[in-house]
Amino acid sequence: MAHYNIRILKAILFIGMAFFMQFPVQGQTYQSAAGLRLSYGGLLSAKYALNDHNYLEGLVSLRWNGVVVTALFEWQKSFPSNKLQWYGGAGFHGGVHSRENVFQPDSNADNEVQIGLGMDLIGGIEYVFDGIPIVISADYKPAFYFTGERWFVPEEFGLTARYIIAR
């Protein structure tokens, strides 16, 4: 059954990417920005443009009584308006926390140090304001863990507000 669900997810991802590929690529709207991320465990976000449509994003999250650091490579394209853009990407995360990524941890699990390593996907939309150096985004970032009992953590939806440091 899990293979069936993965095939459906791949088909939806492919169709979605094919739909958005029809929009033209516009020039980048900023070089770097940093700010706060509101999500389950979210805390900080920084984004840096490599070129007109490729970005690196770094996230710091507080999760499971510890900290998780995520690095993402993102492809970004404009909707017909250059100020509203969609993006998708992938990356890796690593963290140290005091419980495993399980639904119901053992009562003594909070005393053990756990290492969380895995891969992330991300997809969302972003809006750059005119006249003020602020960019906001809304996204979905599922995580796949190489360690722990739960290999898929689907609950991270995020809202981010960043201050544009350089245009």
N, C-alpha and C. Protein backbone atom coordinates (compact mmCIF):
# COMPACT_ATOMS: atom_id res chain seq x y z
N MET A 1 0.81 -1.19 0.00
CA MET A 1 0.00 0.00 0.00
C MET A 1 0.86 1.26 0.00
N ALA A 2 2.00 1.24 0.70
CA ALA A 2 2.87 2.41 0.75
C ALA A 2 3.43 2.73 -0.62
N HIS A 3 3.74 1.71 -1.42
CA HIS A 3 4.25 1.96 -2.77
C HIS A 3 3.19 2.61 -3.64
N TYR A 4 1.94 2.24 -3.45
CA TYR A 4 0.83 2.84 -4.19
C TYR A 4 0.73 4.33 -3.87
N ASN A 5 0.83 4.70 -2.59
CA ASN A 5 0.76 6.10 -2.18
C ASN A 5 1.93 6.90 -2.72
N ILE A 6 3.12 6.33 -2.76
CA ILE A 6 4.30 7.02 -3.28
C ILE A 6 4.13 7.28 -4.77
N ARG A 7 3.58 6.33 -5.51
CA ARG A 7 3.33 6.52 -6.94
C ARG A 7 2.35 7.66 -7.17
N ILE A 8 1.30 7.72 -6.38
CA ILE A 8 0.33 8.81 -6.51
C ILE A 8 1.00 10.15 -6.20
N LEU A 9 1.82 10.21 -5.13
CA LEU A 9 2.53 11.43 -4.77
C LEU A 9 3.46 11.88 -5.89
N LYS A 10 4.18 10.94 -6.50
CA LYS A 10 5.08 11.27 -7.61
C LYS A 10 4.29 11.81 -8.80
N ALA A 11 3.15 11.21 -9.10
CA ALA A 11 2.34 11.67 -10.23
C ALA A 11 1.81 13.07 -9.98
N ILE A 12 1.35 13.35 -8.77
CA ILE A 12 0.86 14.69 -8.44
C ILE A 12 1.98 15.71 -8.52
N LEU A 13 3.15 15.37 -8.01
CA LEU A 13 4.31 16.26 -8.07
C LEU A 13 4.70 16.55 -9.51
N PHE A 14 4.73 15.53 -10.37
CA PHE A 14 5.09 15.69 -11.78
C PHE A 14 4.08 16.59 -12.49
N ILE A 15 2.79 16.35 -12.29
CA ILE A 15 1.75 17.16 -12.94
C ILE A 15 1.83 18.61 -12.46
N GLY A 16 2.04 18.80 -11.16
CA GLY A 16 2.16 20.15 -10.63
C GLY A 16 3.36 20.90 -11.19
N MET A 17 4.50 20.22 -11.28
CA MET A 17 5.70 20.85 -11.84
C MET A 17 5.49 21.18 -13.32
N ALA A 18 4.86 20.29 -14.07
CA ALA A 18 4.60 20.54 -15.49
C ALA A 18 3.68 21.75 -15.66
N PHE A 19 2.69 21.90 -14.78
CA PHE A 19 1.79 23.05 -14.85
C PHE A 19 2.54 24.36 -14.62
N PHE A 20 3.38 24.40 -13.58
CA PHE A 20 4.06 25.64 -13.24
C PHE A 20 5.22 25.96 -14.18
N MET A 21 5.71 24.99 -14.93
CA MET A 21 6.81 25.25 -15.86
C MET A 21 6.37 26.15 -17.02
N GLN A 22 5.07 26.30 -17.22
CA GLN A 22 4.60 27.13 -18.31
C GLN A 22 4.78 28.62 -18.03
N PHE A 23 4.96 29.01 -16.77
CA PHE A 23 5.13 30.41 -16.45
C PHE A 23 6.57 30.84 -16.71
N PRO A 24 6.79 32.04 -17.26
CA PRO A 24 8.15 32.47 -17.57
C PRO A 24 8.95 32.76 -16.31
N VAL A 25 10.26 32.62 -16.44
CA VAL A 25 11.16 32.93 -15.33
C VAL A 25 11.44 34.43 -15.36
N GLN A 26 11.28 35.08 -14.24
CA GLN A 26 11.59 36.50 -14.12
C GLN A 26 12.89 36.65 -13.35
N GLY A 27 13.43 37.84 -13.36
CA GLY A 27 14.66 38.10 -12.61
C GLY A 27 14.41 38.01 -11.12
N GLN A 28 15.47 37.79 -10.37
CA GLN A 28 15.35 37.68 -8.92
C GLN A 28 14.86 39.00 -8.34
N THR A 29 14.17 38.92 -7.23
CA THR A 29 13.63 40.11 -6.60
C THR A 29 14.46 40.55 -5.39
N TYR A 30 15.37 39.71 -4.92
CA TYR A 30 16.28 40.08 -3.84
C TYR A 30 17.47 39.13 -3.83
N GLN A 31 18.56 39.58 -3.21
CA GLN A 31 19.78 38.77 -3.12
C GLN A 31 19.81 37.94 -1.84
N SER A 32 19.45 38.56 -0.70
CA SER A 32 19.44 37.82 0.57
C SER A 32 18.39 38.40 1.51
N ALA A 33 17.85 37.53 2.34
CA ALA A 33 16.83 37.92 3.31
C ALA A 33 16.89 36.98 4.50
N ALA A 34 16.52 37.48 5.67
CA ALA A 34 16.52 36.67 6.89
C ALA A 34 15.34 37.07 7.75
N GLY A 35 14.79 36.09 8.48
CA GLY A 35 13.66 36.41 9.33
C GLY A 35 13.18 35.25 10.17
N LEU A 36 11.91 35.32 10.54
CA LEU A 36 11.30 34.34 11.44
C LEU A 36 10.36 33.41 10.69
N ARG A 37 10.37 32.15 11.10
CA ARG A 37 9.51 31.13 10.51
C ARG A 37 8.55 30.63 11.58
N LEU A 38 7.27 30.69 11.28
CA LEU A 38 6.24 30.19 12.17
C LEU A 38 5.78 28.84 11.64
N SER A 39 6.15 27.78 12.35
CA SER A 39 5.76 26.41 11.98
C SER A 39 5.92 25.55 13.22
N TYR A 40 5.60 24.27 13.10
CA TYR A 40 5.80 23.36 14.22
C TYR A 40 7.30 23.24 14.45
N GLY A 41 7.80 23.90 15.47
CA GLY A 41 9.22 23.89 15.76
C GLY A 41 10.01 24.97 15.06
N GLY A 42 9.39 25.70 14.15
CA GLY A 42 10.11 26.70 13.36
C GLY A 42 10.65 27.84 14.20
N LEU A 43 11.70 28.48 13.72
CA LEU A 43 12.30 29.58 14.44
C LEU A 43 12.91 30.61 13.50
N LEU A 44 13.99 30.25 12.78
CA LEU A 44 14.72 31.19 11.94
C LEU A 44 14.81 30.69 10.50
N SER A 45 14.88 31.66 9.57
CA SER A 45 15.04 31.34 8.16
C SER A 45 15.93 32.38 7.52
N ALA A 46 16.84 31.94 6.66
CA ALA A 46 17.67 32.84 5.86
C ALA A 46 17.70 32.30 4.44
N LYS A 47 17.60 33.20 3.46
CA LYS A 47 17.53 32.79 2.06
C LYS A 47 18.50 33.63 1.25
N TYR A 48 19.22 32.97 0.33
CA TYR A 48 20.25 33.63 -0.46
C TYR A 48 20.11 33.22 -1.93
N ALA A 49 20.11 34.22 -2.84
CA ALA A 49 19.97 33.94 -4.27
C ALA A 49 21.32 33.56 -4.87
N LEU A 50 21.36 32.42 -5.55
CA LEU A 50 22.54 32.01 -6.30
C LEU A 50 22.54 32.63 -7.69
N ASN A 51 21.36 32.73 -8.30
CA ASN A 51 21.16 33.39 -9.59
C ASN A 51 19.69 33.77 -9.70
N ASP A 52 19.20 34.00 -10.91
CA ASP A 52 17.83 34.49 -11.08
C ASP A 52 16.74 33.57 -10.55
N HIS A 53 16.97 32.27 -10.49
CA HIS A 53 15.90 31.38 -10.05
C HIS A 53 16.37 30.24 -9.15
N ASN A 54 17.57 30.29 -8.62
CA ASN A 54 18.06 29.28 -7.68
C ASN A 54 18.44 29.94 -6.36
N TYR A 55 17.94 29.38 -5.28
CA TYR A 55 18.18 29.94 -3.95
C TYR A 55 18.66 28.85 -2.99
N LEU A 56 19.39 29.28 -1.98
CA LEU A 56 19.72 28.43 -0.84
C LEU A 56 18.94 28.96 0.35
N GLU A 57 18.34 28.07 1.13
CA GLU A 57 17.63 28.49 2.34
C GLU A 57 18.14 27.67 3.51
N GLY A 58 18.38 28.34 4.60
CA GLY A 58 18.77 27.68 5.84
C GLY A 58 17.71 27.90 6.89
N LEU A 59 17.37 26.85 7.63
CA LEU A 59 16.35 26.92 8.68
C LEU A 59 16.93 26.40 9.99
N VAL A 60 16.53 27.03 11.08
CA VAL A 60 16.85 26.53 12.42
C VAL A 60 15.51 26.32 13.12
N SER A 61 15.29 25.11 13.61
CA SER A 61 14.03 24.75 14.27
C SER A 61 14.30 24.19 15.65
N LEU A 62 13.39 24.46 16.56
CA LEU A 62 13.43 23.85 17.89
C LEU A 62 12.42 22.72 17.87
N ARG A 63 12.91 21.50 18.04
CA ARG A 63 12.03 20.35 17.89
C ARG A 63 12.42 19.25 18.86
N TRP A 64 11.46 18.60 19.46
CA TRP A 64 11.67 17.47 20.36
C TRP A 64 12.70 17.79 21.44
N ASN A 65 12.57 18.94 22.06
CA ASN A 65 13.48 19.41 23.11
C ASN A 65 14.92 19.53 22.63
N GLY A 66 15.11 19.93 21.40
CA GLY A 66 16.45 20.09 20.84
C GLY A 66 16.42 21.05 19.67
N VAL A 67 17.43 20.97 18.82
CA VAL A 67 17.55 21.87 17.68
C VAL A 67 17.81 21.05 16.42
N VAL A 68 17.19 21.49 15.31
CA VAL A 68 17.37 20.87 14.00
C VAL A 68 17.76 21.97 13.02
N VAL A 69 18.81 21.74 12.24
CA VAL A 69 19.28 22.68 11.23
C VAL A 69 19.02 22.05 9.86
N THR A 70 18.41 22.83 8.95
CA THR A 70 18.05 22.34 7.62
C THR A 70 18.67 23.23 6.56
N ALA A 71 19.23 22.64 5.52
CA ALA A 71 19.75 23.36 4.35
C ALA A 71 18.99 22.89 3.13
N LEU A 72 18.42 23.84 2.36
CA LEU A 72 17.59 23.53 1.21
C LEU A 72 18.09 24.23 -0.05
N PHE A 73 18.02 23.56 -1.18
CA PHE A 73 18.26 24.15 -2.49
C PHE A 73 16.89 24.31 -3.14
N GLU A 74 16.56 25.53 -3.59
CA GLU A 74 15.22 25.80 -4.11
C GLU A 74 15.27 26.40 -5.51
N TRP A 75 14.29 25.98 -6.34
CA TRP A 75 14.07 26.55 -7.66
C TRP A 75 12.87 27.46 -7.53
N GLN A 76 13.00 28.70 -8.05
CA GLN A 76 11.94 29.68 -7.86
C GLN A 76 11.52 30.26 -9.21
N LYS A 77 10.21 30.35 -9.43
CA LYS A 77 9.66 30.92 -10.67
C LYS A 77 8.53 31.86 -10.33
N SER A 78 8.29 32.82 -11.22
CA SER A 78 7.24 33.80 -11.01
C SER A 78 5.91 33.34 -11.58
N PHE A 79 4.85 33.73 -10.91
CA PHE A 79 3.53 33.68 -11.50
C PHE A 79 3.51 34.85 -12.49
N PRO A 80 2.41 35.10 -13.20
CA PRO A 80 2.41 36.24 -14.13
C PRO A 80 2.84 37.57 -13.49
N SER A 81 2.59 37.75 -12.22
CA SER A 81 3.11 38.92 -11.49
C SER A 81 4.50 38.57 -10.96
N ASN A 82 5.47 39.45 -11.15
CA ASN A 82 6.83 39.18 -10.70
C ASN A 82 6.94 39.18 -9.18
N LYS A 83 5.98 39.77 -8.48
CA LYS A 83 6.05 39.86 -7.02
C LYS A 83 5.60 38.57 -6.33
N LEU A 84 4.76 37.78 -6.98
CA LEU A 84 4.30 36.51 -6.43
C LEU A 84 5.03 35.39 -7.15
N GLN A 85 5.73 34.56 -6.38
CA GLN A 85 6.52 33.48 -6.96
C GLN A 85 6.19 32.16 -6.27
N TRP A 86 6.42 31.09 -6.97
CA TRP A 86 6.30 29.75 -6.37
C TRP A 86 7.69 29.15 -6.33
N TYR A 87 7.89 28.23 -5.42
CA TYR A 87 9.20 27.59 -5.33
C TYR A 87 9.04 26.15 -4.86
N GLY A 88 10.04 25.37 -5.19
CA GLY A 88 10.11 23.98 -4.76
C GLY A 88 11.57 23.62 -4.60
N GLY A 89 11.84 22.64 -3.78
CA GLY A 89 13.22 22.25 -3.58
C GLY A 89 13.37 21.07 -2.66
N ALA A 90 14.64 20.80 -2.33
CA ALA A 90 14.97 19.67 -1.49
C ALA A 90 16.26 19.98 -0.73
N GLY A 91 16.48 19.23 0.33
CA GLY A 91 17.70 19.43 1.10
C GLY A 91 17.82 18.40 2.21
N PHE A 92 18.71 18.68 3.14
CA PHE A 92 18.99 17.76 4.23
C PHE A 92 18.90 18.47 5.56
N HIS A 93 18.67 17.70 6.61
CA HIS A 93 18.63 18.26 7.96
C HIS A 93 19.41 17.37 8.92
N GLY A 94 19.83 17.97 10.00
CA GLY A 94 20.50 17.24 11.07
C GLY A 94 20.20 17.94 12.38
N GLY A 95 20.09 17.17 13.45
CA GLY A 95 19.78 17.78 14.72
C GLY A 95 20.10 16.88 15.89
N VAL A 96 20.08 17.49 17.04
CA VAL A 96 20.28 16.80 18.31
C VAL A 96 19.09 17.15 19.18
N HIS A 97 18.43 16.12 19.72
CA HIS A 97 17.27 16.37 20.56
C HIS A 97 17.18 15.27 21.60
N SER A 98 16.18 15.40 22.49
CA SER A 98 16.13 14.49 23.64
C SER A 98 15.05 13.43 23.54
N ARG A 99 14.45 13.26 22.37
CA ARG A 99 13.52 12.15 22.19
C ARG A 99 13.46 11.77 20.73
N GLU A 100 13.11 10.53 20.48
CA GLU A 100 13.01 10.06 19.10
C GLU A 100 11.77 10.64 18.44
N ASN A 101 11.77 10.63 17.11
CA ASN A 101 10.64 11.17 16.34
C ASN A 101 9.52 10.14 16.25
N VAL A 102 8.93 9.82 17.40
CA VAL A 102 7.85 8.84 17.46
C VAL A 102 6.57 9.54 17.93
N PHE A 103 5.43 8.90 17.70
CA PHE A 103 4.15 9.48 18.12
C PHE A 103 4.00 9.47 19.64
N GLN A 104 4.33 8.35 20.29
CA GLN A 104 4.21 8.24 21.74
C GLN A 104 5.53 7.70 22.30
N PRO A 105 6.45 8.60 22.67
CA PRO A 105 7.74 8.13 23.18
C PRO A 105 7.60 7.48 24.55
N ASP A 106 8.56 6.63 24.87
CA ASP A 106 8.59 6.03 26.20
C ASP A 106 8.77 7.13 27.24
N SER A 107 8.37 6.84 28.49
CA SER A 107 8.47 7.86 29.54
C SER A 107 9.91 8.25 29.83
N ASN A 108 10.88 7.37 29.59
CA ASN A 108 12.28 7.70 29.85
C ASN A 108 13.00 8.19 28.59
N ALA A 109 12.27 8.37 27.48
CA ALA A 109 12.90 8.77 26.23
C ALA A 109 13.45 10.19 26.30
N ASP A 110 12.90 11.05 27.15
CA ASP A 110 13.37 12.43 27.24
C ASP A 110 14.74 12.54 27.90
N ASN A 111 15.27 11.46 28.43
CA ASN A 111 16.58 11.49 29.08
C ASN A 111 17.72 11.10 28.13
N GLU A 112 17.39 10.58 26.96
CA GLU A 112 18.40 10.12 26.02
C GLU A 112 18.67 11.18 24.96
N VAL A 113 19.91 11.27 24.52
CA VAL A 113 20.26 12.17 23.43
C VAL A 113 20.08 11.42 22.12
N GLN A 114 19.31 12.00 21.20
CA GLN A 114 19.04 11.39 19.90
C GLN A 114 19.65 12.26 18.81
N ILE A 115 20.10 11.61 17.75
CA ILE A 115 20.59 12.31 16.56
C ILE A 115 19.54 12.12 15.48
N GLY A 116 19.07 13.22 14.91
CA GLY A 116 18.08 13.16 13.84
C GLY A 116 18.70 13.59 12.53
N LEU A 117 18.75 12.69 11.56
CA LEU A 117 19.30 12.98 10.23
C LEU A 117 18.27 12.62 9.19
N GLY A 118 18.18 13.43 8.12
CA GLY A 118 17.22 13.09 7.08
C GLY A 118 17.23 14.05 5.92
N MET A 119 16.20 13.91 5.11
CA MET A 119 16.04 14.68 3.88
C MET A 119 14.70 15.42 3.93
N ASP A 120 14.65 16.59 3.30
CA ASP A 120 13.44 17.40 3.28
C ASP A 120 13.06 17.76 1.86
N LEU A 121 11.77 17.95 1.64
CA LEU A 121 11.23 18.55 0.42
C LEU A 121 10.55 19.84 0.85
N ILE A 122 10.42 20.79 -0.06
CA ILE A 122 9.71 22.02 0.26
C ILE A 122 9.02 22.54 -0.99
N GLY A 123 7.84 23.12 -0.80
CA GLY A 123 7.10 23.76 -1.88
C GLY A 123 6.23 24.85 -1.30
N GLY A 124 6.18 25.99 -1.98
CA GLY A 124 5.38 27.08 -1.44
C GLY A 124 5.28 28.26 -2.37
N ILE A 125 4.71 29.34 -1.85
CA ILE A 125 4.60 30.59 -2.59
C ILE A 125 5.23 31.70 -1.75
N GLU A 126 5.68 32.74 -2.45
CA GLU A 126 6.38 33.84 -1.79
C GLU A 126 5.93 35.15 -2.42
N TYR A 127 5.79 36.18 -1.60
CA TYR A 127 5.39 37.50 -2.08
C TYR A 127 6.38 38.54 -1.60
N VAL A 128 6.87 39.38 -2.54
CA VAL A 128 7.80 40.47 -2.23
C VAL A 128 7.01 41.77 -2.30
N PHE A 129 7.00 42.53 -1.22
CA PHE A 129 6.25 43.78 -1.16
C PHE A 129 6.96 44.88 -1.93
N ASP A 130 6.18 45.80 -2.51
CA ASP A 130 6.73 47.00 -3.13
C ASP A 130 6.93 48.06 -2.05
N GLY A 131 8.06 48.73 -2.10
CA GLY A 131 8.28 49.87 -1.22
C GLY A 131 8.80 49.54 0.17
N ILE A 132 8.64 48.32 0.64
CA ILE A 132 9.19 47.93 1.94
C ILE A 132 10.03 46.67 1.77
N PRO A 133 11.10 46.55 2.51
CA PRO A 133 12.01 45.40 2.32
C PRO A 133 11.58 44.13 3.06
N ILE A 134 10.37 43.68 2.75
CA ILE A 134 9.81 42.50 3.42
C ILE A 134 9.35 41.50 2.36
N VAL A 135 9.59 40.23 2.64
CA VAL A 135 9.09 39.14 1.81
C VAL A 135 8.41 38.15 2.75
N ILE A 136 7.23 37.66 2.35
CA ILE A 136 6.52 36.66 3.15
C ILE A 136 6.33 35.41 2.30
N SER A 137 6.27 34.26 2.96
CA SER A 137 6.07 33.01 2.23
C SER A 137 5.22 32.05 3.07
N ALA A 138 4.57 31.15 2.36
CA ALA A 138 3.81 30.06 2.97
C ALA A 138 4.24 28.79 2.25
N ASP A 139 4.55 27.75 3.02
CA ASP A 139 5.06 26.53 2.38
C ASP A 139 4.69 25.28 3.16
N TYR A 140 4.99 24.16 2.51
CA TYR A 140 4.84 22.84 3.11
C TYR A 140 6.19 22.15 2.99
N LYS A 141 6.69 21.60 4.12
CA LYS A 141 8.02 20.99 4.14
C LYS A 141 7.96 19.64 4.86
N PRO A 142 7.64 18.57 4.13
CA PRO A 142 7.69 17.24 4.76
C PRO A 142 9.14 16.80 4.93
N ALA A 143 9.38 15.98 5.95
CA ALA A 143 10.73 15.50 6.24
C ALA A 143 10.76 13.98 6.26
N PHE A 144 11.85 13.42 5.74
CA PHE A 144 12.09 11.99 5.74
C PHE A 144 13.29 11.74 6.63
N TYR A 145 13.12 10.89 7.64
CA TYR A 145 14.20 10.65 8.60
C TYR A 145 14.92 9.34 8.31
N PHE A 146 16.25 9.40 8.38
CA PHE A 146 17.08 8.20 8.26
C PHE A 146 17.26 7.54 9.62
N THR A 147 16.96 8.27 10.70
CA THR A 147 17.11 7.76 12.07
C THR A 147 15.75 7.85 12.77
N GLY A 148 15.57 7.09 13.83
CA GLY A 148 14.32 7.12 14.58
C GLY A 148 13.32 6.09 14.07
N GLU A 149 12.20 5.99 14.77
CA GLU A 149 11.19 5.00 14.43
C GLU A 149 10.23 5.46 13.35
N ARG A 150 10.04 6.76 13.24
CA ARG A 150 9.09 7.29 12.26
C ARG A 150 9.90 7.86 11.10
N TRP A 151 9.79 7.29 9.92
CA TRP A 151 10.63 7.72 8.81
C TRP A 151 10.06 8.92 8.07
N PHE A 152 8.77 9.20 8.20
CA PHE A 152 8.13 10.32 7.49
C PHE A 152 7.44 11.22 8.51
N VAL A 153 7.79 12.50 8.49
CA VAL A 153 7.20 13.49 9.39
C VAL A 153 6.51 14.54 8.52
N PRO A 154 5.17 14.45 8.38
CA PRO A 154 4.46 15.27 7.41
C PRO A 154 3.89 16.59 7.93
N GLU A 155 4.10 16.94 9.19
CA GLU A 155 3.28 18.01 9.77
C GLU A 155 3.85 19.42 9.68
N GLU A 156 4.83 19.71 8.86
CA GLU A 156 5.39 21.06 8.89
C GLU A 156 4.88 21.96 7.76
N PHE A 157 3.89 22.75 8.09
CA PHE A 157 3.45 23.86 7.26
C PHE A 157 4.06 25.10 7.87
N GLY A 158 4.52 26.03 7.05
CA GLY A 158 5.19 27.20 7.61
C GLY A 158 4.76 28.51 7.00
N LEU A 159 4.79 29.56 7.82
CA LEU A 159 4.63 30.94 7.39
C LEU A 159 5.90 31.66 7.80
N THR A 160 6.52 32.37 6.84
CA THR A 160 7.80 33.01 7.11
C THR A 160 7.73 34.47 6.70
N ALA A 161 8.29 35.33 7.52
CA ALA A 161 8.46 36.75 7.19
C ALA A 161 9.95 37.05 7.27
N ARG A 162 10.51 37.56 6.17
CA ARG A 162 11.94 37.87 6.12
C ARG A 162 12.15 39.34 5.78
N TYR A 163 13.21 39.89 6.33
CA TYR A 163 13.67 41.24 6.01
C TYR A 163 14.68 41.13 4.88
N ILE A 164 14.51 41.89 3.81
CA ILE A 164 15.45 41.84 2.68
C ILE A 164 16.70 42.61 3.05
N ILE A 165 17.82 41.90 3.12
CA ILE A 165 19.10 42.48 3.48
C ILE A 165 19.76 43.14 2.28
N ALA A 166 19.73 42.48 1.11
CA ALA A 166 20.32 43.03 -0.11
C ALA A 166 19.43 42.72 -1.29
N ARG A 167 19.28 43.70 -2.18
CA ARG A 167 18.47 43.50 -3.39
C ARG A 167 19.33 43.03 -4.52
